[in-house]
């Protein structure tokens, strides 16, 4: 499944529901760069989506960010925050660019 198909589906639901605010209560799309369908690939392949989903369903804690990492030979090479679509992670301009803490959410739809 290519990312544009998932984005198209998400945007269709968002349009049907009347916008992002109405959709966020039950549907969020997290796109992880460089990861093949569900696993593998050169990207940030380590993340715990299941715990985020369990917390949303069982505790009412909707996920605002998912931390993903790239592990090479048992060592974390880099981490990034993954925000719900359409938000992107933007480097703050200082700090370790390999650490998720050096990034903030950016909404490319708001200019």
C-alpha atoms as a PDB file:
ATOM      1  CA  UNK A   1       0.000   0.000   0.000  1.00  0.00           C
ATOM      2  CA  UNK A   2       1.555   3.284  -1.028  1.00  0.00           C
ATOM      3  CA  UNK A   3       1.352   6.260   1.327  1.00  0.00           C
ATOM      4  CA  UNK A   4      -0.684   8.336  -1.116  1.00  0.00           C
ATOM      5  CA  UNK A   5      -3.486   5.760  -0.970  1.00  0.00           C
ATOM      6  CA  UNK A   6      -3.607   6.008   2.822  1.00  0.00           C
ATOM      7  CA  UNK A   7      -3.502   9.813   2.630  1.00  0.00           C
ATOM      8  CA  UNK A   8      -6.325   9.816   0.078  1.00  0.00           C
ATOM      9  CA  UNK A   9      -8.471   7.613   2.292  1.00  0.00           C
ATOM     10  CA  UNK A  10      -7.750   9.736   5.370  1.00  0.00           C
ATOM     11  CA  UNK A  11      -8.530  12.983   3.541  1.00  0.00           C
ATOM     12  CA  UNK A  12     -11.765  11.454   2.229  1.00  0.00           C
ATOM     13  CA  UNK A  13     -12.871  10.588   5.769  1.00  0.00           C
ATOM     14  CA  UNK A  14     -11.824  14.042   6.960  1.00  0.00           C
ATOM     15  CA  UNK A  15     -13.884  15.683   4.209  1.00  0.00           C
ATOM     16  CA  UNK A  16     -16.919  13.504   4.943  1.00  0.00           C
ATOM     17  CA  UNK A  17     -16.723  14.275   8.669  1.00  0.00           C
ATOM     18  CA  UNK A  18     -16.385  18.023   8.167  1.00  0.00           C
ATOM     19  CA  UNK A  19     -12.694  18.584   8.865  1.00  0.00           C
ATOM     20  CA  UNK A  20      -9.694  17.570  10.922  1.00  0.00           C
ATOM     21  CA  UNK A  21     -11.161  18.589  14.277  1.00  0.00           C
ATOM     22  CA  UNK A  22     -14.152  16.279  13.805  1.00  0.00           C
ATOM     23  CA  UNK A  23     -11.980  13.401  12.594  1.00  0.00           C
ATOM     24  CA  UNK A  24      -9.251  13.526  15.265  1.00  0.00           C
ATOM     25  CA  UNK A  25     -11.568  12.033  17.885  1.00  0.00           C
ATOM     26  CA  UNK A  26     -11.556   8.638  16.173  1.00  0.00           C
ATOM     27  CA  UNK A  27      -8.988   8.559  13.343  1.00  0.00           C
ATOM     28  CA  UNK A  28      -5.334   9.581  13.115  1.00  0.00           C
ATOM     29  CA  UNK A  29      -2.848   8.653  10.421  1.00  0.00           C
ATOM     30  CA  UNK A  30       0.833   8.240  11.293  1.00  0.00           C
ATOM     31  CA  UNK A  31       3.157   7.973   8.293  1.00  0.00           C
ATOM     32  CA  UNK A  32       6.677   6.770   9.053  1.00  0.00           C
ATOM     33  CA  UNK A  33       9.262   7.723   6.414  1.00  0.00           C
ATOM     34  CA  UNK A  34      11.306   4.949   4.872  1.00  0.00           C
ATOM     35  CA  UNK A  35       9.288   2.080   6.335  1.00  0.00           C
ATOM     36  CA  UNK A  36       7.864  -0.525   4.024  1.00  0.00           C
ATOM     37  CA  UNK A  37       4.274  -1.606   4.526  1.00  0.00           C
ATOM     38  CA  UNK A  38       4.128  -2.186   8.300  1.00  0.00           C
ATOM     39  CA  UNK A  39       7.809  -3.134   8.760  1.00  0.00           C
ATOM     40  CA  UNK A  40      11.289  -3.163   7.296  1.00  0.00           C
ATOM     41  CA  UNK A  41      13.029  -0.668   5.057  1.00  0.00           C
ATOM     42  CA  UNK A  42      15.726   1.980   5.530  1.00  0.00           C
ATOM     43  CA  UNK A  43      13.625   4.241   7.761  1.00  0.00           C
ATOM     44  CA  UNK A  44      12.656   4.425  11.428  1.00  0.00           C
ATOM     45  CA  UNK A  45      11.514   0.834  11.801  1.00  0.00           C
ATOM     46  CA  UNK A  46      11.190   0.659  15.599  1.00  0.00           C
ATOM     47  CA  UNK A  47       7.993   2.077  17.126  1.00  0.00           C
ATOM     48  CA  UNK A  48       5.209   0.980  19.458  1.00  0.00           C
ATOM     49  CA  UNK A  49       1.928   1.767  17.752  1.00  0.00           C
ATOM     50  CA  UNK A  50       0.088  -0.962  19.679  1.00  0.00           C
ATOM     51  CA  UNK A  51       0.558   0.670  23.091  1.00  0.00           C
ATOM     52  CA  UNK A  52      -0.610   4.020  21.670  1.00  0.00           C
ATOM     53  CA  UNK A  53      -3.708   2.336  20.241  1.00  0.00           C
ATOM     54  CA  UNK A  54      -4.423   0.479  23.494  1.00  0.00           C
ATOM     55  CA  UNK A  55      -4.109   3.719  25.484  1.00  0.00           C
ATOM     56  CA  UNK A  56      -6.500   5.465  23.090  1.00  0.00           C
ATOM     57  CA  UNK A  57      -9.127   2.721  23.178  1.00  0.00           C
ATOM     58  CA  UNK A  58      -8.826   1.638  26.806  1.00  0.00           C
ATOM     59  CA  UNK A  59      -7.871   4.892  28.551  1.00  0.00           C
ATOM     60  CA  UNK A  60      -9.153   7.587  26.190  1.00  0.00           C
ATOM     61  CA  UNK A  61      -5.602   8.945  25.638  1.00  0.00           C
ATOM     62  CA  UNK A  62      -5.450   9.861  21.950  1.00  0.00           C
ATOM     63  CA  UNK A  63      -1.911   9.797  20.515  1.00  0.00           C
ATOM     64  CA  UNK A  64      -0.415  13.171  19.582  1.00  0.00           C
ATOM     65  CA  UNK A  65       3.033  11.816  18.776  1.00  0.00           C
ATOM     66  CA  UNK A  66       4.740   8.492  18.250  1.00  0.00           C
ATOM     67  CA  UNK A  67       8.493   8.174  18.776  1.00  0.00           C
ATOM     68  CA  UNK A  68      10.199   6.030  16.162  1.00  0.00           C
ATOM     69  CA  UNK A  69      13.819   4.981  15.986  1.00  0.00           C
ATOM     70  CA  UNK A  70      16.342   3.355  13.734  1.00  0.00           C
ATOM     71  CA  UNK A  71      18.295   0.583  15.456  1.00  0.00           C
ATOM     72  CA  UNK A  72      21.543  -0.571  13.815  1.00  0.00           C
ATOM     73  CA  UNK A  73      23.510  -3.435  15.382  1.00  0.00           C
ATOM     74  CA  UNK A  74      21.518  -3.052  18.591  1.00  0.00           C
ATOM     75  CA  UNK A  75      22.235   0.687  18.943  1.00  0.00           C
ATOM     76  CA  UNK A  76      19.783   3.526  18.383  1.00  0.00           C
ATOM     77  CA  UNK A  77      21.116   5.466  15.403  1.00  0.00           C
ATOM     78  CA  UNK A  78      18.425   8.159  15.481  1.00  0.00           C
ATOM     79  CA  UNK A  79      14.940   8.896  16.801  1.00  0.00           C
ATOM     80  CA  UNK A  80      12.172  11.094  15.444  1.00  0.00           C
ATOM     81  CA  UNK A  81       8.753  12.172  16.583  1.00  0.00           C
ATOM     82  CA  UNK A  82       6.038  11.048  14.188  1.00  0.00           C
ATOM     83  CA  UNK A  83       3.004  13.319  14.332  1.00  0.00           C
ATOM     84  CA  UNK A  84      -0.478  12.624  13.002  1.00  0.00           C
ATOM     85  CA  UNK A  85      -0.912  13.539   9.335  1.00  0.00           C
ATOM     86  CA  UNK A  86      -0.577  16.236   8.028  1.00  0.00           C
ATOM     87  CA  UNK A  87       1.844  17.381  10.756  1.00  0.00           C
ATOM     88  CA  UNK A  88       5.565  16.984  10.086  1.00  0.00           C
ATOM     89  CA  UNK A  89       8.583  16.933  12.385  1.00  0.00           C
ATOM     90  CA  UNK A  90      10.674  20.091  12.028  1.00  0.00           C
ATOM     91  CA  UNK A  91      14.174  20.464  13.431  1.00  0.00           C
ATOM     92  CA  UNK A  92      14.328  23.315  15.989  1.00  0.00           C
ATOM     93  CA  UNK A  93      17.725  24.449  14.704  1.00  0.00           C
ATOM     94  CA  UNK A  94      19.823  23.384  17.658  1.00  0.00           C
ATOM     95  CA  UNK A  95      20.472  20.237  19.630  1.00  0.00           C
ATOM     96  CA  UNK A  96      21.281  16.765  18.391  1.00  0.00           C
ATOM     97  CA  UNK A  97      19.569  16.268  15.030  1.00  0.00           C
ATOM     98  CA  UNK A  98      19.571  12.518  15.715  1.00  0.00           C
ATOM     99  CA  UNK A  99      17.264  12.907  18.735  1.00  0.00           C
ATOM    100  CA  UNK A 100      13.482  13.262  18.690  1.00  0.00           C
ATOM    101  CA  UNK A 101      13.695  15.958  21.372  1.00  0.00           C
ATOM    102  CA  UNK A 102      15.245  18.324  18.791  1.00  0.00           C
ATOM    103  CA  UNK A 103      12.047  18.392  16.712  1.00  0.00           C
ATOM    104  CA  UNK A 104       8.647  20.079  17.012  1.00  0.00           C
ATOM    105  CA  UNK A 105       5.401  19.631  15.081  1.00  0.00           C
ATOM    106  CA  UNK A 106       4.926  21.693  11.928  1.00  0.00           C
ATOM    107  CA  UNK A 107       1.637  21.992  10.045  1.00  0.00           C
ATOM    108  CA  UNK A 108       2.380  22.539   6.330  1.00  0.00           C
ATOM    109  CA  UNK A 109      -1.292  23.304   5.679  1.00  0.00           C
ATOM    110  CA  UNK A 110      -1.107  26.507   7.734  1.00  0.00           C
ATOM    111  CA  UNK A 111       0.888  29.275   6.128  1.00  0.00           C
END
